[in-house]
Amino acid sequence: MNIDVKEYGNVTVLGVKGNLMGGPETVSIHDKVKELVQNDVLKIVIDLSKVKWMNSSGLGTMMGCLTSLKNADGELKLCGVAEKVKSLFMITKLITLFSTFDTVEDAVADFQK
């Protein structure tokens, strides 16, 4: 799993590449979010534009990231969610828990409101 970290002012964007199908690669995303939260980074966008598919383990990881941030009074936004992945969020009704945006710029801009 390749995680690309970029800073946009006070917002950190994690660009994820590959499928989220469980295993150490998927866990590494939540580990990265927990590490950022420990360093008081509380505004995070996860860019899923290079993720073509995820299973229940991937969904669990996204929920873990969301929970870690909410428990620290932080906020998580998702962007670039592919149609196949978005349908999984919709079927499970988890789409209602996440703020989703088409682009990184849109997600970052939403933090500035």
PDB file of N, CA and C in Angstrom:
ATOM      1  N   MET A   1       0.855  -1.184   0.000  1.00  0.00           N
ATOM      2  CA  MET A   1       0.000   0.000   0.000  1.00  0.00           C
ATOM      3  C   MET A   1       0.889   1.231   0.000  1.00  0.00           C
ATOM      4  N   ASN A   2       0.597   2.113  -0.905  1.00  0.00           N
ATOM      5  CA  ASN A   2       1.355   3.344  -1.028  1.00  0.00           C
ATOM      6  C   ASN A   2       0.502   4.483  -0.468  1.00  0.00           C
ATOM      7  N   ILE A   3       1.038   5.178   0.561  1.00  0.00           N
ATOM      8  CA  ILE A   3       0.320   6.310   1.147  1.00  0.00           C
ATOM      9  C   ILE A   3       1.158   7.566   0.925  1.00  0.00           C
ATOM     10  N   ASP A   4       0.605   8.486   0.173  1.00  0.00           N
ATOM     11  CA  ASP A   4       1.271   9.742  -0.147  1.00  0.00           C
ATOM     12  C   ASP A   4       0.694  10.828   0.765  1.00  0.00           C
ATOM     13  N   VAL A   5       1.540  11.487   1.557  1.00  0.00           N
ATOM     14  CA  VAL A   5       1.076  12.491   2.512  1.00  0.00           C
ATOM     15  C   VAL A   5       1.409  13.887   1.985  1.00  0.00           C
ATOM     16  N   LYS A   6       0.392  14.735   1.922  1.00  0.00           N
ATOM     17  CA  LYS A   6       0.589  16.125   1.492  1.00  0.00           C
ATOM     18  C   LYS A   6      -0.104  17.052   2.470  1.00  0.00           C
ATOM     19  N   GLU A   7       0.475  18.222   2.654  1.00  0.00           N
ATOM     20  CA  GLU A   7      -0.094  19.240   3.537  1.00  0.00           C
ATOM     21  C   GLU A   7      -0.695  20.362   2.690  1.00  0.00           C
ATOM     22  N   TYR A   8      -1.902  20.743   3.022  1.00  0.00           N
ATOM     23  CA  TYR A   8      -2.576  21.893   2.409  1.00  0.00           C
ATOM     24  C   TYR A   8      -2.951  22.822   3.553  1.00  0.00           C
ATOM     25  N   GLY A   9      -2.019  23.645   3.986  1.00  0.00           N
ATOM     26  CA  GLY A   9      -2.259  24.492   5.153  1.00  0.00           C
ATOM     27  C   GLY A   9      -2.392  23.613   6.380  1.00  0.00           C
ATOM     28  N   ASN A  10      -3.554  23.702   7.053  1.00  0.00           N
ATOM     29  CA  ASN A  10      -3.769  22.902   8.268  1.00  0.00           C
ATOM     30  C   ASN A  10      -4.516  21.596   7.984  1.00  0.00           C
ATOM     31  N   VAL A  11      -4.607  21.214   6.712  1.00  0.00           N
ATOM     32  CA  VAL A  11      -5.281  19.975   6.315  1.00  0.00           C
ATOM     33  C   VAL A  11      -4.241  19.008   5.749  1.00  0.00           C
ATOM     34  N   THR A  12      -4.290  17.771   6.203  1.00  0.00           N
ATOM     35  CA  THR A  12      -3.389  16.744   5.701  1.00  0.00           C
ATOM     36  C   THR A  12      -4.170  15.817   4.785  1.00  0.00           C
ATOM     37  N   VAL A  13      -3.607  15.563   3.598  1.00  0.00           N
ATOM     38  CA  VAL A  13      -4.248  14.691   2.627  1.00  0.00           C
ATOM     39  C   VAL A  13      -3.426  13.409   2.498  1.00  0.00           C
ATOM     40  N   LEU A  14      -4.096  12.280   2.686  1.00  0.00           N
ATOM     41  CA  LEU A  14      -3.471  10.980   2.501  1.00  0.00           C
ATOM     42  C   LEU A  14      -3.952  10.413   1.174  1.00  0.00           C
ATOM     43  N   GLY A  15      -3.045  10.325   0.225  1.00  0.00           N
ATOM     44  CA  GLY A  15      -3.365   9.726  -1.069  1.00  0.00           C
ATOM     45  C   GLY A  15      -3.072   8.239  -1.000  1.00  0.00           C
ATOM     46  N   VAL A  16      -4.092   7.433  -1.211  1.00  0.00           N
ATOM     47  CA  VAL A  16      -3.963   5.983  -1.092  1.00  0.00           C
ATOM     48  C   VAL A  16      -4.014   5.369  -2.481  1.00  0.00           C
ATOM     49  N   LYS A  17      -3.114   4.413  -2.725  1.00  0.00           N
ATOM     50  CA  LYS A  17      -3.072   3.751  -4.028  1.00  0.00           C
ATOM     51  C   LYS A  17      -3.095   2.243  -3.818  1.00  0.00           C
ATOM     52  N   GLY A  18      -3.979   1.568  -4.532  1.00  0.00           N
ATOM     53  CA  GLY A  18      -4.106   0.119  -4.409  1.00  0.00           C
ATOM     54  C   GLY A  18      -5.484  -0.251  -3.916  1.00  0.00           C
ATOM     55  N   ASN A  19      -5.772  -1.534  -3.874  1.00  0.00           N
ATOM     56  CA  ASN A  19      -7.071  -1.995  -3.380  1.00  0.00           C
ATOM     57  C   ASN A  19      -7.020  -2.190  -1.875  1.00  0.00           C
ATOM     58  N   LEU A  20      -8.109  -1.871  -1.206  1.00  0.00           N
ATOM     59  CA  LEU A  20      -8.189  -2.034   0.247  1.00  0.00           C
ATOM     60  C   LEU A  20      -8.930  -3.334   0.546  1.00  0.00           C
ATOM     61  N   MET A  21      -8.152  -4.399   0.640  1.00  0.00           N
ATOM     62  CA  MET A  21      -8.729  -5.734   0.782  1.00  0.00           C
ATOM     63  C   MET A  21      -8.279  -6.410   2.073  1.00  0.00           C
ATOM     64  N   GLY A  22      -7.870  -5.643   3.056  1.00  0.00           N
ATOM     65  CA  GLY A  22      -7.419  -6.225   4.318  1.00  0.00           C
ATOM     66  C   GLY A  22      -5.914  -6.435   4.314  1.00  0.00           C
ATOM     67  N   GLY A  23      -5.417  -7.026   5.377  1.00  0.00           N
ATOM     68  CA  GLY A  23      -3.986  -7.276   5.483  1.00  0.00           C
ATOM     69  C   GLY A  23      -3.226  -6.060   5.963  1.00  0.00           C
ATOM     70  N   PRO A  24      -1.898  -6.194   6.039  1.00  0.00           N
ATOM     71  CA  PRO A  24      -1.063  -5.125   6.593  1.00  0.00           C
ATOM     72  C   PRO A  24      -1.156  -3.804   5.836  1.00  0.00           C
ATOM     73  N   GLU A  25      -1.405  -3.880   4.511  1.00  0.00           N
ATOM     74  CA  GLU A  25      -1.483  -2.639   3.724  1.00  0.00           C
ATOM     75  C   GLU A  25      -2.669  -1.797   4.161  1.00  0.00           C
ATOM     76  N   THR A  26      -3.793  -2.447   4.376  1.00  0.00           N
ATOM     77  CA  THR A  26      -5.001  -1.725   4.776  1.00  0.00           C
ATOM     78  C   THR A  26      -4.844  -1.169   6.187  1.00  0.00           C
ATOM     79  N   VAL A  27      -4.270  -1.963   7.081  1.00  0.00           N
ATOM     80  CA  VAL A  27      -4.057  -1.535   8.469  1.00  0.00           C
ATOM     81  C   VAL A  27      -3.128  -0.323   8.521  1.00  0.00           C
ATOM     82  N   SER A  28      -2.187  -0.244   7.584  1.00  0.00           N
ATOM     83  CA  SER A  28      -1.217   0.860   7.598  1.00  0.00           C
ATOM     84  C   SER A  28      -1.893   2.219   7.442  1.00  0.00           C
ATOM     85  N   ILE A  29      -3.034   2.276   6.780  1.00  0.00           N
ATOM     86  CA  ILE A  29      -3.758   3.546   6.635  1.00  0.00           C
ATOM     87  C   ILE A  29      -4.259   4.015   7.997  1.00  0.00           C
ATOM     88  N   HIS A  30      -4.891   3.114   8.740  1.00  0.00           N
ATOM     89  CA  HIS A  30      -5.390   3.487  10.072  1.00  0.00           C
ATOM     90  C   HIS A  30      -4.227   3.829  10.989  1.00  0.00           C
ATOM     91  N   ASP A  31      -3.129   3.089  10.886  1.00  0.00           N
ATOM     92  CA  ASP A  31      -1.948   3.397  11.697  1.00  0.00           C
ATOM     93  C   ASP A  31      -1.439   4.806  11.398  1.00  0.00           C
ATOM     94  N   LYS A  32      -1.448   5.191  10.130  1.00  0.00           N
ATOM     95  CA  LYS A  32      -0.991   6.528   9.738  1.00  0.00           C
ATOM     96  C   LYS A  32      -1.924   7.594  10.319  1.00  0.00           C
ATOM     97  N   VAL A  33      -3.228   7.360  10.256  1.00  0.00           N
ATOM     98  CA  VAL A  33      -4.189   8.314  10.813  1.00  0.00           C
ATOM     99  C   VAL A  33      -3.986   8.442  12.320  1.00  0.00           C
ATOM    100  N   LYS A  34      -3.804   7.314  13.020  1.00  0.00           N
ATOM    101  CA  LYS A  34      -3.590   7.365  14.471  1.00  0.00           C
ATOM    102  C   LYS A  34      -2.306   8.128  14.801  1.00  0.00           C
ATOM    103  N   GLU A  35      -1.275   7.919  13.999  1.00  0.00           N
ATOM    104  CA  GLU A  35      -0.015   8.651  14.204  1.00  0.00           C
ATOM    105  C   GLU A  35      -0.228  10.155  14.028  1.00  0.00           C
ATOM    106  N   LEU A  36      -0.971  10.550  13.003  1.00  0.00           N
ATOM    107  CA  LEU A  36      -1.255  11.969  12.766  1.00  0.00           C
ATOM    108  C   LEU A  36      -2.063  12.559  13.916  1.00  0.00           C
ATOM    109  N   VAL A  37      -3.064  11.815  14.396  1.00  0.00           N
ATOM    110  CA  VAL A  37      -3.890  12.288  15.509  1.00  0.00           C
ATOM    111  C   VAL A  37      -3.030  12.505  16.754  1.00  0.00           C
ATOM    112  N   GLN A  38      -2.086  11.600  17.011  1.00  0.00           N
ATOM    113  CA  GLN A  38      -1.185  11.759  18.164  1.00  0.00           C
ATOM    114  C   GLN A  38      -0.341  13.022  18.039  1.00  0.00           C
ATOM    115  N   ASN A  39      -0.102  13.467  16.800  1.00  0.00           N
ATOM    116  CA  ASN A  39       0.657  14.692  16.555  1.00  0.00           C
ATOM    117  C   ASN A  39      -0.250  15.899  16.363  1.00  0.00           C
ATOM    118  N   ASP A  40      -1.505  15.783  16.853  1.00  0.00           N
ATOM    119  CA  ASP A  40      -2.495  16.856  16.794  1.00  0.00           C
ATOM    120  C   ASP A  40      -2.869  17.297  15.382  1.00  0.00           C
ATOM    121  N   VAL A  41      -2.791  16.386  14.423  1.00  0.00           N
ATOM    122  CA  VAL A  41      -3.302  16.646  13.081  1.00  0.00           C
ATOM    123  C   VAL A  41      -4.736  16.126  13.083  1.00  0.00           C
ATOM    124  N   LEU A  42      -5.702  17.051  13.029  1.00  0.00           N
ATOM    125  CA  LEU A  42      -7.100  16.668  13.224  1.00  0.00           C
ATOM    126  C   LEU A  42      -8.002  16.957  12.024  1.00  0.00           C
ATOM    127  N   LYS A  43      -7.421  17.419  10.935  1.00  0.00           N
ATOM    128  CA  LYS A  43      -8.185  17.645   9.704  1.00  0.00           C
ATOM    129  C   LYS A  43      -7.521  16.815   8.615  1.00  0.00           C
ATOM    130  N   ILE A  44      -8.176  15.707   8.271  1.00  0.00           N
ATOM    131  CA  ILE A  44      -7.577  14.760   7.336  1.00  0.00           C
ATOM    132  C   ILE A  44      -8.547  14.448   6.203  1.00  0.00           C
ATOM    133  N   VAL A  45      -7.988  14.409   4.997  1.00  0.00           N
ATOM    134  CA  VAL A  45      -8.713  13.968   3.806  1.00  0.00           C
ATOM    135  C   VAL A  45      -8.028  12.695   3.325  1.00  0.00           C
ATOM    136  N   ILE A  46      -8.807  11.660   3.065  1.00  0.00           N
ATOM    137  CA  ILE A  46      -8.251  10.460   2.444  1.00  0.00           C
ATOM    138  C   ILE A  46      -8.705  10.459   0.991  1.00  0.00           C
ATOM    139  N   ASP A  47      -7.712  10.540   0.085  1.00  0.00           N
ATOM    140  CA  ASP A  47      -7.966  10.558  -1.354  1.00  0.00           C
ATOM    141  C   ASP A  47      -7.992   9.118  -1.853  1.00  0.00           C
ATOM    142  N   LEU A  48      -9.171   8.669  -2.254  1.00  0.00           N
ATOM    143  CA  LEU A  48      -9.353   7.290  -2.719  1.00  0.00           C
ATOM    144  C   LEU A  48      -9.420   7.193  -4.248  1.00  0.00           C
ATOM    145  N   SER A  49      -8.971   8.227  -4.946  1.00  0.00           N
ATOM    146  CA  SER A  49      -9.102   8.247  -6.407  1.00  0.00           C
ATOM    147  C   SER A  49      -8.288   7.141  -7.084  1.00  0.00           C
ATOM    148  N   LYS A  50      -7.281   6.603  -6.404  1.00  0.00           N
ATOM    149  CA  LYS A  50      -6.479   5.522  -6.990  1.00  0.00           C
ATOM    150  C   LYS A  50      -6.787   4.177  -6.352  1.00  0.00           C
ATOM    151  N   VAL A  51      -7.946   4.109  -5.688  1.00  0.00           N
ATOM    152  CA  VAL A  51      -8.419   2.843  -5.112  1.00  0.00           C
ATOM    153  C   VAL A  51      -9.596   2.378  -5.972  1.00  0.00           C
ATOM    154  N   LYS A  52      -9.425   1.236  -6.620  1.00  0.00           N
ATOM    155  CA  LYS A  52     -10.471   0.734  -7.512  1.00  0.00           C
ATOM    156  C   LYS A  52     -11.480  -0.141  -6.779  1.00  0.00           C
ATOM    157  N   TRP A  53     -11.074  -0.759  -5.673  1.00  0.00           N
ATOM    158  CA  TRP A  53     -11.984  -1.651  -4.965  1.00  0.00           C
ATOM    159  C   TRP A  53     -11.594  -1.763  -3.509  1.00  0.00           C
ATOM    160  N   MET A  54     -12.587  -1.995  -2.657  1.00  0.00           N
ATOM    161  CA  MET A  54     -12.334  -2.321  -1.253  1.00  0.00           C
ATOM    162  C   MET A  54     -13.389  -3.315  -0.804  1.00  0.00           C
ATOM    163  N   ASN A  55     -13.022  -4.109   0.193  1.00  0.00           N
ATOM    164  CA  ASN A  55     -13.979  -5.065   0.751  1.00  0.00           C
ATOM    165  C   ASN A  55     -14.350  -4.616   2.159  1.00  0.00           C
ATOM    166  N   SER A  56     -14.940  -5.522   2.936  1.00  0.00           N
ATOM    167  CA  SER A  56     -15.373  -5.157   4.288  1.00  0.00           C
ATOM    168  C   SER A  56     -14.198  -4.737   5.170  1.00  0.00           C
ATOM    169  N   SER A  57     -13.025  -5.306   4.937  1.00  0.00           N
ATOM    170  CA  SER A  57     -11.841  -4.898   5.712  1.00  0.00           C
ATOM    171  C   SER A  57     -11.478  -3.451   5.414  1.00  0.00           C
ATOM    172  N   GLY A  58     -11.573  -3.062   4.149  1.00  0.00           N
ATOM    173  CA  GLY A  58     -11.312  -1.674   3.768  1.00  0.00           C
ATOM    174  C   GLY A  58     -12.322  -0.731   4.392  1.00  0.00           C
ATOM    175  N   LEU A  59     -13.593  -1.139   4.378  1.00  0.00           N
ATOM    176  CA  LEU A  59     -14.641  -0.334   5.023  1.00  0.00           C
ATOM    177  C   LEU A  59     -14.365  -0.206   6.523  1.00  0.00           C
ATOM    178  N   GLY A  60     -13.953  -1.306   7.134  1.00  0.00           N
ATOM    179  CA  GLY A  60     -13.623  -1.291   8.562  1.00  0.00           C
ATOM    180  C   GLY A  60     -12.490  -0.332   8.866  1.00  0.00           C
ATOM    181  N   THR A  61     -11.513  -0.298   7.974  1.00  0.00           N
ATOM    182  CA  THR A  61     -10.389   0.627   8.152  1.00  0.00           C
ATOM    183  C   THR A  61     -10.861   2.073   8.060  1.00  0.00           C
ATOM    184  N   MET A  62     -11.730   2.377   7.100  1.00  0.00           N
ATOM    185  CA  MET A  62     -12.262   3.738   6.973  1.00  0.00           C
ATOM    186  C   MET A  62     -13.052   4.116   8.227  1.00  0.00           C
ATOM    187  N   MET A  63     -13.830   3.168   8.758  1.00  0.00           N
ATOM    188  CA  MET A  63     -14.584   3.419   9.991  1.00  0.00           C
ATOM    189  C   MET A  63     -13.625   3.648  11.160  1.00  0.00           C
ATOM    190  N   GLY A  64     -12.554   2.868  11.225  1.00  0.00           N
ATOM    191  CA  GLY A  64     -11.561   3.048  12.285  1.00  0.00           C
ATOM    192  C   GLY A  64     -10.919   4.420  12.222  1.00  0.00           C
ATOM    193  N   CYS A  65     -10.592   4.861  11.005  1.00  0.00           N
ATOM    194  CA  CYS A  65     -10.002   6.196  10.818  1.00  0.00           C
ATOM    195  C   CYS A  65     -10.973   7.276  11.270  1.00  0.00           C
ATOM    196  N   LEU A  66     -12.236   7.128  10.864  1.00  0.00           N
ATOM    197  CA  LEU A  66     -13.264   8.093  11.250  1.00  0.00           C
ATOM    198  C   LEU A  66     -13.422   8.149  12.766  1.00  0.00           C
ATOM    199  N   THR A  67     -13.475   6.985  13.398  1.00  0.00           N
ATOM    200  CA  THR A  67     -13.638   6.909  14.850  1.00  0.00           C
ATOM    201  C   THR A  67     -12.453   7.521  15.577  1.00  0.00           C
ATOM    202  N   SER A  68     -11.235   7.217  15.129  1.00  0.00           N
ATOM    203  CA  SER A  68     -10.034   7.780  15.765  1.00  0.00           C
ATOM    204  C   SER A  68     -10.061   9.301  15.720  1.00  0.00           C
ATOM    205  N   LEU A  69     -10.453   9.856  14.578  1.00  0.00           N
ATOM    206  CA  LEU A  69     -10.500  11.314  14.442  1.00  0.00           C
ATOM    207  C   LEU A  69     -11.638  11.918  15.264  1.00  0.00           C
ATOM    208  N   LYS A  70     -12.813  11.307  15.228  1.00  0.00           N
ATOM    209  CA  LYS A  70     -13.943  11.846  15.998  1.00  0.00           C
ATOM    210  C   LYS A  70     -13.645  11.821  17.497  1.00  0.00           C
ATOM    211  N   ASN A  71     -13.004  10.768  17.970  1.00  0.00           N
ATOM    212  CA  ASN A  71     -12.659  10.669  19.391  1.00  0.00           C
ATOM    213  C   ASN A  71     -11.669  11.755  19.810  1.00  0.00           C
ATOM    214  N   ALA A  72     -10.903  12.281  18.856  1.00  0.00           N
ATOM    215  CA  ALA A  72      -9.936  13.342  19.138  1.00  0.00           C
ATOM    216  C   ALA A  72     -10.485  14.715  18.750  1.00  0.00           C
ATOM    217  N   ASP A  73     -11.809  14.797  18.493  1.00  0.00           N
ATOM    218  CA  ASP A  73     -12.455  16.029  18.031  1.00  0.00           C
ATOM    219  C   ASP A  73     -11.912  16.485  16.684  1.00  0.00           C
ATOM    220  N   GLY A  74     -11.524  15.524  15.864  1.00  0.00           N
ATOM    221  CA  GLY A  74     -11.046  15.824  14.522  1.00  0.00           C
ATOM    222  C   GLY A  74     -12.117  15.510  13.496  1.00  0.00           C
ATOM    223  N   GLU A  75     -11.736  15.626  12.228  1.00  0.00           N
ATOM    224  CA  GLU A  75     -12.703  15.413  11.161  1.00  0.00           C
ATOM    225  C   GLU A  75     -12.020  14.731   9.983  1.00  0.00           C
ATOM    226  N   LEU A  76     -12.739  13.786   9.385  1.00  0.00           N
ATOM    227  CA  LEU A  76     -12.246  13.048   8.227  1.00  0.00           C
ATOM    228  C   LEU A  76     -13.177  13.283   7.051  1.00  0.00           C
ATOM    229  N   LYS A  77     -12.576  13.526   5.891  1.00  0.00           N
ATOM    230  CA  LYS A  77     -13.340  13.642   4.652  1.00  0.00           C
ATOM    231  C   LYS A  77     -12.715  12.689   3.643  1.00  0.00           C
ATOM    232  N   LEU A  78     -13.538  12.171   2.746  1.00  0.00           N
ATOM    233  CA  LEU A  78     -13.064  11.293   1.677  1.00  0.00           C
ATOM    234  C   LEU A  78     -13.257  11.998   0.349  1.00  0.00           C
ATOM    235  N   CYS A  79     -12.357  11.728  -0.596  1.00  0.00           N
ATOM    236  CA  CYS A  79     -12.543  12.290  -1.931  1.00  0.00           C
ATOM    237  C   CYS A  79     -12.116  11.272  -2.987  1.00  0.00           C
ATOM    238  N   GLY A  80     -12.582  11.511  -4.199  1.00  0.00           N
ATOM    239  CA  GLY A  80     -12.208  10.665  -5.325  1.00  0.00           C
ATOM    240  C   GLY A  80     -12.688   9.230  -5.214  1.00  0.00           C
ATOM    241  N   VAL A  81     -13.833   9.029  -4.591  1.00  0.00           N
ATOM    242  CA  VAL A  81     -14.335   7.673  -4.372  1.00  0.00           C
ATOM    243  C   VAL A  81     -14.893   7.125  -5.688  1.00  0.00           C
ATOM    244  N   ALA A  82     -14.303   6.023  -6.180  1.00  0.00           N
ATOM    245  CA  ALA A  82     -14.742   5.393  -7.428  1.00  0.00           C
ATOM    246  C   ALA A  82     -16.170   4.878  -7.284  1.00  0.00           C
ATOM    247  N   GLU A  83     -16.874   4.769  -8.394  1.00  0.00           N
ATOM    248  CA  GLU A  83     -18.276   4.344  -8.375  1.00  0.00           C
ATOM    249  C   GLU A  83     -18.465   2.987  -7.698  1.00  0.00           C
ATOM    250  N   LYS A  84     -17.575   2.027  -7.988  1.00  0.00           N
ATOM    251  CA  LYS A  84     -17.706   0.692  -7.381  1.00  0.00           C
ATOM    252  C   LYS A  84     -17.550   0.778  -5.865  1.00  0.00           C
ATOM    253  N   VAL A  85     -16.617   1.607  -5.417  1.00  0.00           N
ATOM    254  CA  VAL A  85     -16.387   1.771  -3.979  1.00  0.00           C
ATOM    255  C   VAL A  85     -17.555   2.530  -3.357  1.00  0.00           C
ATOM    256  N   LYS A  86     -18.020   3.563  -4.041  1.00  0.00           N
ATOM    257  CA  LYS A  86     -19.146   4.359  -3.534  1.00  0.00           C
ATOM    258  C   LYS A  86     -20.395   3.485  -3.375  1.00  0.00           C
ATOM    259  N   SER A  87     -20.608   2.554  -4.308  1.00  0.00           N
ATOM    260  CA  SER A  87     -21.780   1.683  -4.210  1.00  0.00           C
ATOM    261  C   SER A  87     -21.688   0.806  -2.961  1.00  0.00           C
ATOM    262  N   LEU A  88     -20.492   0.399  -2.595  1.00  0.00           N
ATOM    263  CA  LEU A  88     -20.300  -0.387  -1.375  1.00  0.00           C
ATOM    264  C   LEU A  88     -20.663   0.446  -0.139  1.00  0.00           C
ATOM    265  N   PHE A  89     -20.236   1.702  -0.127  1.00  0.00           N
ATOM    266  CA  PHE A  89     -20.598   2.614   0.966  1.00  0.00           C
ATOM    267  C   PHE A  89     -22.116   2.803   1.021  1.00  0.00           C
ATOM    268  N   MET A  90     -22.748   2.889  -0.144  1.00  0.00           N
ATOM    269  CA  MET A  90     -24.191   3.117  -0.186  1.00  0.00           C
ATOM    270  C   MET A  90     -24.970   1.879   0.263  1.00  0.00           C
ATOM    271  N   ILE A  91     -24.563   0.706  -0.185  1.00  0.00           N
ATOM    272  CA  ILE A  91     -25.241  -0.538   0.193  1.00  0.00           C
ATOM    273  C   ILE A  91     -25.203  -0.733   1.707  1.00  0.00           C
ATOM    274  N   THR A  92     -24.064  -0.411   2.310  1.00  0.00           N
ATOM    275  CA  THR A  92     -23.896  -0.602   3.755  1.00  0.00           C
ATOM    276  C   THR A  92     -24.431   0.580   4.560  1.00  0.00           C
ATOM    277  N   LYS A  93     -24.899   1.610   3.876  1.00  0.00           N
ATOM    278  CA  LYS A  93     -25.416   2.836   4.503  1.00  0.00           C
ATOM    279  C   LYS A  93     -24.329   3.646   5.223  1.00  0.00           C
ATOM    280  N   LEU A  94     -23.066   3.275   5.028  1.00  0.00           N
ATOM    281  CA  LEU A  94     -21.977   4.013   5.665  1.00  0.00           C
ATOM    282  C   LEU A  94     -21.730   5.360   4.987  1.00  0.00           C
ATOM    283  N   ILE A  95     -22.261   5.535   3.796  1.00  0.00           N
ATOM    284  CA  ILE A  95     -22.081   6.797   3.076  1.00  0.00           C
ATOM    285  C   ILE A  95     -22.618   7.964   3.894  1.00  0.00           C
ATOM    286  N   THR A  96     -23.605   7.699   4.760  1.00  0.00           N
ATOM    287  CA  THR A  96     -24.205   8.767   5.562  1.00  0.00           C
ATOM    288  C   THR A  96     -23.258   9.253   6.664  1.00  0.00           C
ATOM    289  N   LEU A  97     -22.238   8.465   6.989  1.00  0.00           N
ATOM    290  CA  LEU A  97     -21.302   8.845   8.057  1.00  0.00           C
ATOM    291  C   LEU A  97     -20.123   9.674   7.553  1.00  0.00           C
ATOM    292  N   PHE A  98     -19.877   9.615   6.253  1.00  0.00           N
ATOM    293  CA  PHE A  98     -18.699  10.265   5.685  1.00  0.00           C
ATOM    294  C   PHE A  98     -19.073  11.466   4.838  1.00  0.00           C
ATOM    295  N   SER A  99     -18.235  12.497   4.903  1.00  0.00           N
ATOM    296  CA  SER A  99     -18.343  13.613   3.972  1.00  0.00           C
ATOM    297  C   SER A  99     -17.487  13.245   2.770  1.00  0.00           C
ATOM    298  N   THR A 100     -18.100  13.171   1.588  1.00  0.00           N
ATOM    299  CA  THR A 100     -17.360  12.787   0.388  1.00  0.00           C
ATOM    300  C   THR A 100     -17.363  13.917  -0.629  1.00  0.00           C
ATOM    301  N   PHE A 101     -16.251  14.020  -1.348  1.00  0.00           N
ATOM    302  CA  PHE A 101     -16.068  15.082  -2.330  1.00  0.00           C
ATOM    303  C   PHE A 101     -15.442  14.496  -3.587  1.00  0.00           C
ATOM    304  N   ASP A 102     -15.632  15.181  -4.706  1.00  0.00           N
ATOM    305  CA  ASP A 102     -15.083  14.698  -5.975  1.00  0.00           C
ATOM    306  C   ASP A 102     -13.567  14.853  -6.036  1.00  0.00           C
ATOM    307  N   THR A 103     -13.057  15.990  -5.516  1.00  0.00           N
ATOM    308  CA  THR A 103     -11.623  16.265  -5.636  1.00  0.00           C
ATOM    309  C   THR A 103     -11.001  16.615  -4.282  1.00  0.00           C
ATOM    310  N   VAL A 104      -9.685  16.521  -4.232  1.00  0.00           N
ATOM    311  CA  VAL A 104      -8.939  16.928  -3.040  1.00  0.00           C
ATOM    312  C   VAL A 104      -9.220  18.395  -2.741  1.00  0.00           C
ATOM    313  N   GLU A 105      -9.205  19.210  -3.773  1.00  0.00           N
ATOM    314  CA  GLU A 105      -9.419  20.652  -3.599  1.00  0.00           C
ATOM    315  C   GLU A 105     -10.770  20.950  -2.963  1.00  0.00           C
ATOM    316  N   ASP A 106     -11.813  20.230  -3.407  1.00  0.00           N
ATOM    317  CA  ASP A 106     -13.151  20.430  -2.840  1.00  0.00           C
ATOM    318  C   ASP A 106     -13.187  20.041  -1.365  1.00  0.00           C
ATOM    319  N   ALA A 107     -12.541  18.927  -1.029  1.00  0.00           N
ATOM    320  CA  ALA A 107     -12.529  18.450   0.358  1.00  0.00           C
ATOM    321  C   ALA A 107     -11.755  19.416   1.252  1.00  0.00           C
ATOM    322  N   VAL A 108     -10.598  19.876   0.782  1.00  0.00           N
ATOM    323  CA  VAL A 108      -9.785  20.818   1.555  1.00  0.00           C
ATOM    324  C   VAL A 108     -10.547  22.131   1.732  1.00  0.00           C
ATOM    325  N   ALA A 109     -11.183  22.597   0.676  1.00  0.00           N
ATOM    326  CA  ALA A 109     -11.943  23.853   0.740  1.00  0.00           C
ATOM    327  C   ALA A 109     -13.075  23.750   1.750  1.00  0.00           C
ATOM    328  N   ASP A 110     -13.676  22.573   1.897  1.00  0.00           N
ATOM    329  CA  ASP A 110     -14.774  22.409   2.843  1.00  0.00           C
ATOM    330  C   ASP A 110     -14.303  22.617   4.289  1.00  0.00           C
ATOM    331  N   PHE A 111     -13.049  22.302   4.569  1.00  0.00           N
ATOM    332  CA  PHE A 111     -12.503  22.542   5.903  1.00  0.00           C
ATOM    333  C   PHE A 111     -12.383  24.027   6.206  1.00  0.00           C
ATOM    334  N   GLN A 112     -12.272  24.840   5.167  1.00  0.00           N
ATOM    335  CA  GLN A 112     -12.056  26.276   5.356  1.00  0.00           C
ATOM    336  C   GLN A 112     -13.352  27.020   5.620  1.00  0.00           C
ATOM    337  N   LYS A 113     -14.503  26.339   5.495  1.00  0.00           N
ATOM    338  CA  LYS A 113     -15.803  27.005   5.676  1.00  0.00           C
ATOM    339  C   LYS A 113     -16.042  27.323   7.135  1.00  0.00           C
TER     340      LYS A 113
END
